[in-house]
Amino acid sequence: MTDQTYCDRLVQDTPFLTGRGRLSEQQVDRIILQLNRYYPQILTDKQAEKFRNPKASLRLRLCDLLSHLQHSGERDCQEFYRALYIHAQPLHGLLPSRQALQNSDCTELDWGRESHELSDRGPMSFLAGLGLAAGLALLLYCCPPDSRGLPGARRLLGFSPVIVDRHVSRYLLAFLADDLGGL
């Protein structure tokens, strides 16, 4: 099951997607417009008008669209899943093919997996950031402004908010403003 293509997934997910109340008309229209505007080679203007025709029922239009994509090829099916993820993310997570992928521990197609970690960069990134923060704190508190400790320390701290994240830069700028206000 791990060798399942996007076309195979679409065949498996079609009954689920065409079920009553799964996709709203606005979601289907947004998916069609995305496939037409960003990938006009997937859906031409004429095809997009056909699949967006309000005179036909939503279920019939969706069935026609999914059938067209299944016959179009792997890349078209993949772009449909990308558009479905963008415009109907909660529904995307409930797809039968995704449930099968999650049960088989296959994560190559898993776009929506939420991470409950603080950072996905790993422990070395955390340690590097902690070391940088500790170094800056030592530099600030061990070398008072009236001493001649490190002559370039204030200049270095003046440029560090450009490099450091915006949350930390506010505190560095406030420290420098307080320090310059006393001069």
Protein backbone atom coordinates (compact mmCIF):
# COMPACT_ATOMS: atom_id res chain seq x y z
CA MET A 1 0.00 0.00 0.00
CA THR A 2 3.01 2.30 0.35
CA ASP A 3 3.47 2.31 -3.44
CA GLN A 4 0.05 3.88 -3.92
CA THR A 5 -0.01 6.61 -6.56
CA TYR A 6 -2.08 9.78 -6.40
CA CYS A 7 -4.41 8.37 -9.06
CA ASP A 8 -4.93 5.25 -6.94
CA ARG A 9 -5.60 7.43 -3.93
CA LEU A 10 -8.13 9.48 -5.90
CA VAL A 11 -9.98 6.32 -6.94
CA GLN A 12 -10.06 5.25 -3.30
CA ASP A 13 -11.15 8.70 -2.04
CA THR A 14 -13.80 9.46 -4.70
CA PRO A 15 -16.74 7.88 -2.82
CA PHE A 16 -15.73 9.74 0.33
CA LEU A 17 -15.31 13.09 -1.46
CA THR A 18 -18.61 12.82 -3.31
CA GLY A 19 -20.53 11.98 -0.14
CA ARG A 20 -23.26 14.38 0.90
CA GLY A 21 -22.00 17.36 2.84
CA ARG A 22 -18.30 16.65 2.45
CA LEU A 23 -17.30 19.55 0.19
CA SER A 24 -19.18 22.80 -0.10
CA GLU A 25 -19.81 24.49 -3.41
CA GLN A 26 -17.36 27.27 -2.51
CA GLN A 27 -14.60 24.77 -1.73
CA VAL A 28 -15.13 22.93 -5.01
CA ASP A 29 -15.13 26.22 -6.92
CA ARG A 30 -11.88 27.31 -5.24
CA ILE A 31 -10.25 23.98 -6.07
CA ILE A 32 -11.36 24.25 -9.70
CA LEU A 33 -10.15 27.85 -9.93
CA GLN A 34 -6.78 26.92 -8.48
CA LEU A 35 -6.36 24.07 -10.95
CA ASN A 36 -7.40 26.41 -13.76
CA ARG A 37 -5.47 29.55 -12.83
CA TYR A 38 -2.24 28.14 -11.47
CA TYR A 39 -2.15 25.05 -13.66
CA PRO A 40 -4.05 25.84 -16.89
CA GLN A 41 -2.57 22.72 -18.44
CA ILE A 42 -4.65 20.69 -15.92
CA LEU A 43 -7.96 22.47 -16.48
CA THR A 44 -8.60 24.72 -19.44
CA ASP A 45 -11.01 27.64 -19.17
CA LYS A 46 -13.69 25.66 -20.96
CA GLN A 47 -13.31 22.68 -18.63
CA ALA A 48 -13.31 24.95 -15.57
CA GLU A 49 -16.58 26.54 -16.73
CA LYS A 50 -18.07 23.08 -17.23
CA PHE A 51 -17.08 21.94 -13.72
CA ARG A 52 -18.32 25.21 -12.17
CA ASN A 53 -21.69 25.21 -13.97
CA PRO A 54 -24.29 26.06 -11.30
CA LYS A 55 -27.07 24.38 -13.32
CA ALA A 56 -25.59 20.93 -12.65
CA SER A 57 -25.64 19.40 -9.18
CA LEU A 58 -22.51 19.73 -7.07
CA ARG A 59 -22.14 15.97 -6.76
CA LEU A 60 -22.32 15.47 -10.53
CA ARG A 61 -19.76 18.23 -11.18
CA LEU A 62 -17.43 16.81 -8.55
CA CYS A 63 -17.74 13.30 -9.98
CA ASP A 64 -16.95 14.64 -13.45
CA LEU A 65 -13.94 16.57 -12.14
CA LEU A 66 -12.53 13.58 -10.26
CA SER A 67 -13.05 11.31 -13.27
CA HIS A 68 -11.32 13.86 -15.52
CA LEU A 69 -8.35 14.09 -13.14
CA GLN A 70 -8.04 10.30 -12.85
CA HIS A 71 -7.76 10.05 -16.61
CA SER A 72 -5.40 13.04 -16.88
CA GLY A 73 -2.49 11.54 -15.01
CA GLU A 74 -0.48 11.41 -11.84
CA ARG A 75 0.62 15.05 -11.73
CA ASP A 76 -2.94 16.32 -12.14
CA CYS A 77 -4.13 14.11 -9.28
CA GLN A 78 -1.27 15.32 -7.12
CA GLU A 79 -2.20 18.96 -7.78
CA PHE A 80 -5.81 18.18 -6.89
CA TYR A 81 -4.66 16.86 -3.52
CA ARG A 82 -2.57 19.97 -3.00
CA ALA A 83 -5.58 22.19 -3.79
CA LEU A 84 -7.78 20.06 -1.53
CA TYR A 85 -5.27 20.49 1.29
CA ILE A 86 -5.21 24.26 0.81
CA HIS A 87 -8.97 24.79 0.57
CA ALA A 88 -10.37 21.96 2.73
CA GLN A 89 -7.65 21.01 5.18
CA PRO A 90 -9.90 19.35 7.81
CA LEU A 91 -11.46 17.15 5.14
CA HIS A 92 -8.03 16.35 3.69
CA GLY A 93 -7.00 14.82 7.01
CA LEU A 94 -10.06 12.53 7.02
CA LEU A 95 -9.51 10.98 3.58
CA PRO A 96 -9.55 7.16 3.56
CA SER A 97 -6.26 7.03 1.66
CA ARG A 98 -4.59 9.23 4.28
CA GLN A 99 -5.91 7.03 7.06
CA ALA A 100 -4.37 4.03 5.31
CA LEU A 101 -1.08 5.91 4.89
CA GLN A 102 -1.00 6.88 8.56
CA ASN A 103 -1.78 3.34 9.64
CA SER A 104 1.08 1.99 7.53
CA ASP A 105 3.47 4.65 8.93
CA CYS A 106 4.09 6.10 5.48
CA THR A 107 4.87 9.80 5.77
CA GLU A 108 6.06 10.72 2.28
CA LEU A 109 2.65 12.16 1.36
CA ASP A 110 1.84 13.50 4.82
CA TRP A 111 1.50 17.27 4.39
CA GLY A 112 -0.79 17.98 7.28
CA ARG A 113 1.03 16.31 10.16
CA GLU A 114 1.07 18.68 13.08
CA SER A 115 4.10 18.86 15.27
CA HIS A 116 3.79 19.29 19.00
CA GLU A 117 7.46 20.10 19.43
CA LEU A 118 8.81 23.56 20.12
CA SER A 119 11.12 23.41 17.13
CA ASP A 120 11.64 20.98 14.29
CA ARG A 121 15.31 21.94 13.97
CA GLY A 122 16.50 19.58 16.67
CA PRO A 123 18.44 19.80 19.91
CA MET A 124 21.64 21.24 18.41
CA SER A 125 19.74 24.31 17.21
CA PHE A 126 18.30 24.78 20.67
CA LEU A 127 21.73 24.46 22.27
CA ALA A 128 23.24 26.91 19.79
CA GLY A 129 20.52 29.47 20.54
CA LEU A 130 20.90 28.94 24.26
CA GLY A 131 24.67 29.38 23.97
CA LEU A 132 24.21 32.59 22.00
CA ALA A 133 21.77 33.97 24.56
CA ALA A 134 24.06 33.04 27.46
CA GLY A 135 27.04 34.60 25.71
CA LEU A 136 25.19 37.85 25.07
CA ALA A 137 23.97 37.92 28.67
CA LEU A 138 27.51 37.44 29.99
CA LEU A 139 28.79 40.12 27.65
CA LEU A 140 26.12 42.57 28.81
CA TYR A 141 26.37 41.96 32.53
CA CYS A 142 30.10 41.34 32.91
CA CYS A 143 31.19 44.45 31.01
CA PRO A 144 29.42 47.51 32.43
CA PRO A 145 29.30 50.57 30.14
CA ASP A 146 31.69 52.64 32.23
CA SER A 147 34.47 50.02 32.07
CA ARG A 148 36.80 49.57 29.11
CA GLY A 149 36.17 45.79 29.03
CA LEU A 150 35.47 45.02 25.39
CA PRO A 151 35.57 48.12 23.16
CA GLY A 152 33.48 46.68 20.31
CA ALA A 153 30.79 45.05 22.48
CA ARG A 154 28.29 47.93 22.20
CA ARG A 155 28.77 48.16 18.45
CA LEU A 156 28.23 44.42 18.11
CA LEU A 157 25.05 44.61 20.18
CA GLY A 158 23.85 47.53 18.08
CA PHE A 159 23.87 45.36 14.95
CA SER A 160 22.67 42.15 16.54
CA PRO A 161 18.91 42.94 16.29
CA VAL A 162 19.32 42.79 12.53
CA ILE A 163 20.50 39.20 12.83
CA VAL A 164 18.47 38.01 15.80
CA ASP A 165 14.76 37.17 15.67
CA ARG A 166 12.30 40.06 16.06
CA HIS A 167 11.12 38.89 19.49
CA VAL A 168 14.63 39.11 20.93
CA SER A 169 15.55 42.26 19.04
CA ARG A 170 12.94 44.29 20.96
CA TYR A 171 14.70 43.57 24.24
CA LEU A 172 18.15 44.32 22.84
CA LEU A 173 16.97 47.62 21.39
CA ALA A 174 15.29 48.54 24.68
CA PHE A 175 18.53 47.78 26.53
CA LEU A 176 20.55 49.90 24.12
CA ALA A 177 18.03 52.77 24.34
CA ASP A 178 18.22 52.72 28.15
CA ASP A 179 22.00 52.62 27.96
CA LEU A 180 22.22 55.51 25.49
CA GLY A 181 19.69 57.55 27.46
CA GLY A 182 22.03 57.59 30.46
CA LEU A 183 24.95 59.01 28.43
